[in-house]
Protein backbone atom coordinates (compact mmCIF):
# COMPACT_ATOMS: atom_id res chain seq x y z
CA MET A 1 -3.96 17.17 -17.00
CA ASN A 2 -3.21 17.58 -13.29
CA ARG A 3 -2.51 14.72 -10.89
CA ARG A 4 -6.00 14.60 -9.36
CA ARG A 5 -7.71 14.50 -12.76
CA PHE A 6 -5.30 11.81 -13.97
CA LEU A 7 -5.96 9.57 -10.96
CA GLY A 8 -9.66 10.32 -11.13
CA SER A 9 -9.90 9.29 -14.77
CA LEU A 10 -7.82 6.18 -14.05
CA ALA A 11 -10.08 5.26 -11.14
CA ALA A 12 -13.19 5.74 -13.26
CA ALA A 13 -11.79 3.58 -16.03
CA LEU A 14 -10.83 0.77 -13.67
CA ALA A 15 -14.15 0.94 -11.83
CA THR A 16 -15.92 0.50 -15.16
CA GLU A 17 -13.73 -2.49 -16.03
CA LEU A 18 -14.11 -4.20 -12.67
CA ALA A 19 -17.79 -3.57 -11.95
CA PRO A 20 -19.33 -6.25 -14.25
CA ARG A 21 -17.76 -9.06 -12.21
CA CYS A 22 -17.79 -7.26 -8.87
CA GLY A 23 -14.05 -6.91 -8.41
CA PHE A 24 -12.59 -9.56 -10.71
CA ALA A 25 -10.73 -7.44 -13.26
CA VAL A 26 -11.55 -7.86 -16.94
CA GLY A 27 -10.92 -5.94 -20.14
CA LYS A 28 -8.07 -3.70 -21.16
CA LYS A 29 -5.02 -3.78 -18.91
CA THR A 30 -3.58 -0.73 -17.16
CA GLN A 31 0.16 -0.13 -16.74
CA LEU A 32 1.38 0.45 -13.20
CA VAL A 33 4.74 1.53 -11.82
CA ILE A 34 5.39 1.51 -8.06
CA ALA A 35 8.17 3.74 -6.77
CA ARG A 36 10.33 3.09 -3.71
CA ALA A 37 10.87 5.97 -1.31
CA VAL A 38 14.48 6.59 -0.30
CA TYR A 39 15.57 8.64 2.70
CA SER A 40 18.59 9.52 4.78
CA GLY A 41 19.73 7.17 7.52
CA GLY A 42 18.08 3.88 8.32
CA ASN A 43 17.59 1.13 5.76
CA PRO A 44 15.11 1.98 2.97
CA GLU A 45 15.40 -1.44 1.27
CA PRO A 46 15.39 -4.28 3.84
CA HIS A 47 13.88 -6.78 1.36
CA PRO A 48 15.14 -5.93 -2.16
CA ASP A 49 13.03 -8.59 -3.92
CA ALA A 50 9.75 -8.03 -2.06
CA LEU A 51 8.01 -5.64 -4.47
CA ARG A 52 8.90 -7.80 -7.47
CA ARG A 53 7.16 -10.78 -5.84
CA LEU A 54 4.11 -8.72 -4.96
CA ILE A 55 3.79 -7.33 -8.49
CA TRP A 56 4.08 -10.82 -9.93
CA GLU A 57 0.96 -11.71 -7.91
CA VAL A 58 -0.84 -8.52 -8.96
CA VAL A 59 -0.24 -9.24 -12.64
CA LEU A 60 -1.19 -12.90 -12.21
CA ARG A 61 -4.46 -12.24 -10.41
CA THR A 62 -5.77 -8.95 -11.86
CA SER A 63 -5.94 -7.03 -15.13
CA VAL A 64 -3.29 -4.58 -13.96
CA GLU A 65 -0.19 -4.66 -16.15
CA ALA A 66 2.85 -3.57 -14.14
CA ASP A 67 6.51 -2.78 -14.52
CA TYR A 68 9.02 -4.96 -12.67
CA GLU A 69 11.42 -2.05 -12.17
CA PHE A 70 10.83 0.09 -9.10
CA PRO A 71 12.38 3.55 -9.43
CA GLU A 72 13.81 5.16 -6.33
CA VAL A 73 12.35 8.54 -5.44
CA ARG A 74 13.17 11.12 -2.78
CA LEU A 75 10.23 12.59 -0.92
CA ASP A 76 11.22 16.09 -2.03
CA ALA A 77 11.66 15.17 -5.72
CA PRO A 78 9.28 16.48 -8.42
CA GLU A 79 9.25 12.92 -9.82
CA LEU A 80 7.22 11.80 -6.80
CA PHE A 81 4.11 12.87 -8.72
CA ASN A 82 4.83 10.45 -11.57
CA TRP A 83 3.50 7.42 -9.66
CA PRO A 84 0.12 6.71 -8.00
CA LEU A 85 1.69 4.42 -5.35
CA VAL A 86 4.94 4.86 -3.41
CA TYR A 87 6.31 2.19 -1.03
CA LEU A 88 8.15 3.39 2.08
CA THR A 89 9.77 0.72 4.25
CA GLY A 90 12.65 0.18 6.67
CA ASP A 91 13.74 -1.69 9.78
CA ARG A 92 15.49 0.97 11.85
CA GLU A 93 15.42 4.60 12.89
CA PHE A 94 15.90 7.17 10.15
CA ALA A 95 16.83 10.86 9.99
CA PRO A 96 14.17 13.57 10.27
CA TRP A 97 12.62 14.73 7.01
CA SER A 98 13.32 18.23 5.80
CA GLU A 99 10.55 20.77 5.42
CA ALA A 100 10.89 20.42 1.64
CA GLN A 101 10.28 16.66 1.93
CA ARG A 102 7.27 17.14 4.18
CA SER A 103 5.79 19.83 1.96
CA ASN A 104 6.25 17.82 -1.24
CA LEU A 105 4.83 14.65 0.31
CA ARG A 106 1.85 16.58 1.71
CA ARG A 107 1.05 17.92 -1.76
CA TYR A 108 1.46 14.47 -3.33
CA LEU A 109 -0.96 12.91 -0.84
CA THR A 110 -3.58 15.64 -1.09
CA LEU A 111 -3.51 15.56 -4.91
CA GLY A 112 -4.31 11.85 -5.08
CA GLY A 113 -1.12 9.86 -4.46
CA THR A 114 -0.92 6.89 -2.07
CA LEU A 115 1.91 6.00 0.33
CA LEU A 116 2.17 2.41 1.61
CA VAL A 117 4.37 2.32 4.72
CA ASP A 118 5.74 -1.03 5.92
CA ASP A 119 7.68 -1.42 9.17
CA ALA A 120 10.09 -4.29 8.47
CA ALA A 121 11.61 -4.43 11.96
CA GLY A 122 9.13 -7.00 13.20
CA ARG A 123 8.91 -5.78 16.79
CA PRO A 124 6.88 -3.31 18.84
CA ALA A 125 8.22 0.21 19.35
CA SER A 126 10.86 -0.20 16.65
CA GLY A 127 13.15 2.64 15.61
CA PHE A 128 11.37 2.80 12.25
CA ASP A 129 7.97 3.04 13.93
CA GLN A 130 9.12 5.84 16.20
CA SER A 131 10.70 7.75 13.31
CA PHE A 132 7.67 7.38 11.06
CA ARG A 133 5.23 8.51 13.75
CA ARG A 134 7.44 11.51 14.45
CA GLU A 135 7.50 12.54 10.78
CA VAL A 136 3.78 12.17 10.02
CA ARG A 137 2.63 14.01 13.12
CA GLY A 138 0.91 17.07 11.71
CA LEU A 139 1.83 16.15 8.12
CA ILE A 140 -1.78 16.65 6.96
CA PRO A 141 -3.46 19.49 8.89
CA GLY A 142 -6.54 18.21 10.68
CA SER A 143 -5.69 14.53 10.06
CA ALA A 144 -3.79 12.11 12.28
CA LEU A 145 -2.63 8.51 12.06
CA LYS A 146 -5.46 6.27 13.27
CA ARG A 147 -6.66 2.68 13.21
CA LEU A 148 -8.51 1.64 10.04
CA GLY A 149 -11.78 -0.10 10.72
CA ASP A 150 -12.69 -3.50 9.32
CA GLU A 151 -15.13 -1.87 6.86
CA HIS A 152 -12.45 0.25 5.20
CA SER A 153 -12.18 -0.06 1.41
CA ILE A 154 -8.60 -1.35 1.69
CA PHE A 155 -10.03 -4.64 2.97
CA ARG A 156 -12.35 -5.11 -0.02
CA SER A 157 -10.79 -3.33 -3.01
CA TYR A 158 -10.15 -6.72 -4.64
CA TYR A 159 -10.13 -9.53 -2.07
CA LEU A 160 -12.32 -9.57 1.00
CA VAL A 161 -9.58 -9.49 3.65
CA ARG A 162 -10.43 -10.15 7.28
CA GLY A 163 -6.97 -9.97 8.84
CA VAL A 164 -3.63 -8.21 8.46
CA GLY A 165 -0.83 -10.60 7.50
CA GLY A 166 2.93 -10.12 7.33
CA ARG A 167 6.15 -11.85 8.34
CA VAL A 168 5.16 -11.31 11.99
CA ILE A 169 2.05 -9.99 13.71
CA VAL A 170 3.12 -6.90 15.60
CA SER A 171 -0.30 -5.29 15.15
CA PRO A 172 -3.63 -6.92 14.19
CA PHE A 173 -4.82 -3.76 12.44
CA LEU A 174 -3.70 -1.20 9.86
CA GLU A 175 -3.31 2.51 10.52
CA GLY A 176 -3.78 5.38 8.13
CA ILE A 177 -4.23 9.08 7.55
CA ASP A 178 -7.42 10.31 5.85
CA VAL A 179 -7.83 13.14 3.37
CA GLU A 180 -11.54 13.70 2.77
CA ASP A 181 -12.93 10.30 1.71
CA ARG A 182 -9.53 8.78 0.89
CA THR A 183 -6.78 7.22 3.00
CA PRO A 184 -3.60 8.18 1.13
CA VAL A 185 -1.28 6.93 3.92
CA ILE A 186 -1.59 3.23 4.81
CA TYR A 187 0.69 1.90 7.56
CA CYS A 188 1.38 -1.75 8.40
CA ARG A 189 3.70 -2.80 11.24
CA ASN A 190 3.87 -6.51 10.33
CA ASP A 191 6.67 -6.53 7.70
CA LEU A 192 4.63 -7.23 4.58
CA GLY A 193 7.80 -7.23 2.50
CA GLY A 194 9.29 -10.01 4.60
CA ALA A 195 6.26 -12.17 3.82
CA TRP A 196 6.46 -11.38 0.09
CA ALA A 197 10.21 -11.94 -0.35
CA ARG A 198 11.85 -14.99 -1.94
CA ASP A 199 15.53 -15.82 -2.34
CA ARG A 200 17.32 -16.36 -5.67
CA LEU A 201 16.26 -19.99 -5.72
CA GLY A 202 12.60 -19.07 -5.37
CA ARG A 203 12.28 -20.16 -1.74
CA TRP A 204 10.55 -18.00 0.82
CA SER A 205 13.14 -15.81 2.52
CA TYR A 206 11.41 -15.91 5.92
CA ALA A 207 8.93 -18.02 7.82
CA CYS A 208 5.72 -16.26 8.82
CA VAL A 209 5.07 -16.49 12.55
CA PRO A 210 2.95 -17.44 14.32
CA GLY A 211 0.39 -18.13 11.58
CA GLY A 212 2.49 -19.79 8.87
CA GLU A 213 1.38 -19.83 5.23
CA PRO A 214 -2.17 -18.50 5.79
CA GLN A 215 -0.51 -15.43 7.30
CA ARG A 216 1.68 -15.07 4.19
CA LEU A 217 -1.37 -15.39 1.94
CA ALA A 218 -3.09 -12.63 3.92
CA ALA A 219 -0.03 -10.42 3.35
CA PHE A 220 -0.19 -10.97 -0.41
CA LYS A 221 -3.93 -10.31 -0.50
CA LEU A 222 -3.45 -7.09 1.43
CA GLY A 223 -0.69 -6.06 -0.98
CA VAL A 224 -2.89 -6.71 -4.01
CA ASN A 225 -5.72 -4.79 -2.35
CA THR A 226 -3.43 -1.84 -1.69
CA VAL A 227 -2.42 -1.65 -5.35
CA LEU A 228 -6.06 -1.73 -6.46
CA TYR A 229 -7.04 0.76 -3.76
CA ALA A 230 -4.36 3.20 -4.93
CA MET A 231 -5.70 2.94 -8.48
CA THR A 232 -9.45 2.90 -7.82
CA VAL A 233 -9.83 4.77 -4.50
CA ASN A 234 -13.26 4.00 -2.94
CA TYR A 235 -15.23 2.56 -5.82
CA LYS A 236 -16.07 -0.57 -3.79
CA GLN A 237 -18.16 1.60 -1.44
CA ASP A 238 -20.60 2.15 -4.31
CA GLN A 239 -24.01 0.69 -3.51
CA VAL A 240 -23.93 -1.55 -6.59
CA HIS A 241 -21.26 -3.70 -4.90
CA ALA A 242 -22.93 -3.99 -1.50
CA PRO A 243 -25.06 -7.15 -2.12
CA PHE A 244 -22.06 -9.04 -3.55
CA ILE A 245 -19.84 -8.02 -0.63
CA ARG A 246 -22.44 -9.08 1.94
CA GLN A 247 -22.86 -12.45 0.20
CA ARG A 248 -19.09 -13.06 0.13
CA MET A 249 -18.77 -12.13 3.81
CA ARG A 250 -21.50 -14.62 4.76
């Protein structure tokens, strides 16, 4: 079974499970592993505990069963295709990707994989932001990084999310790259990982400014939505969900 068929069957199965309660997962659980992208230069792991805290929330709030180990993967590695969701983060400039990395990532994204990119620098025009924009320019022929509208499925794949949280608010919107009816690259500049992270005593590692705890909650909701989006693609755009979504938004 190829990657597209695997993700397609997984999406269909989850859509069937979730549909009866309009997004509140029920039924048989699905195992999930999220990989962490590693790269040369920069800092690919600014918040080592962030993904673990996000996955704890995903398992608590949905029927997704997930692994608490997050394998490292190079963008040019064949193993990239083993996982439906890869997390790429950093807080400083990084080295240019090789053509092998770009080619492998392009194939992963077009075959159904999802890349969540999180700028952890917490400031405009960061080195990470400049490096990432340089590397994704022309990555998918005919598609460019653009703002995601408020009606995008990422904002309603599980929670109805009306704002983009994070440790700081560098940008009030998400950006992404589309492939047909999917957005396999999702980019947040607000340091989601900084909002998710706790220290060894269980305390929040960072304050969320300027919005405090509601801003942190928004970051967790967006993280949960991203996991569900990567596993179910655009099922929430189905007409059967429209009345429920409109009611919740009112």
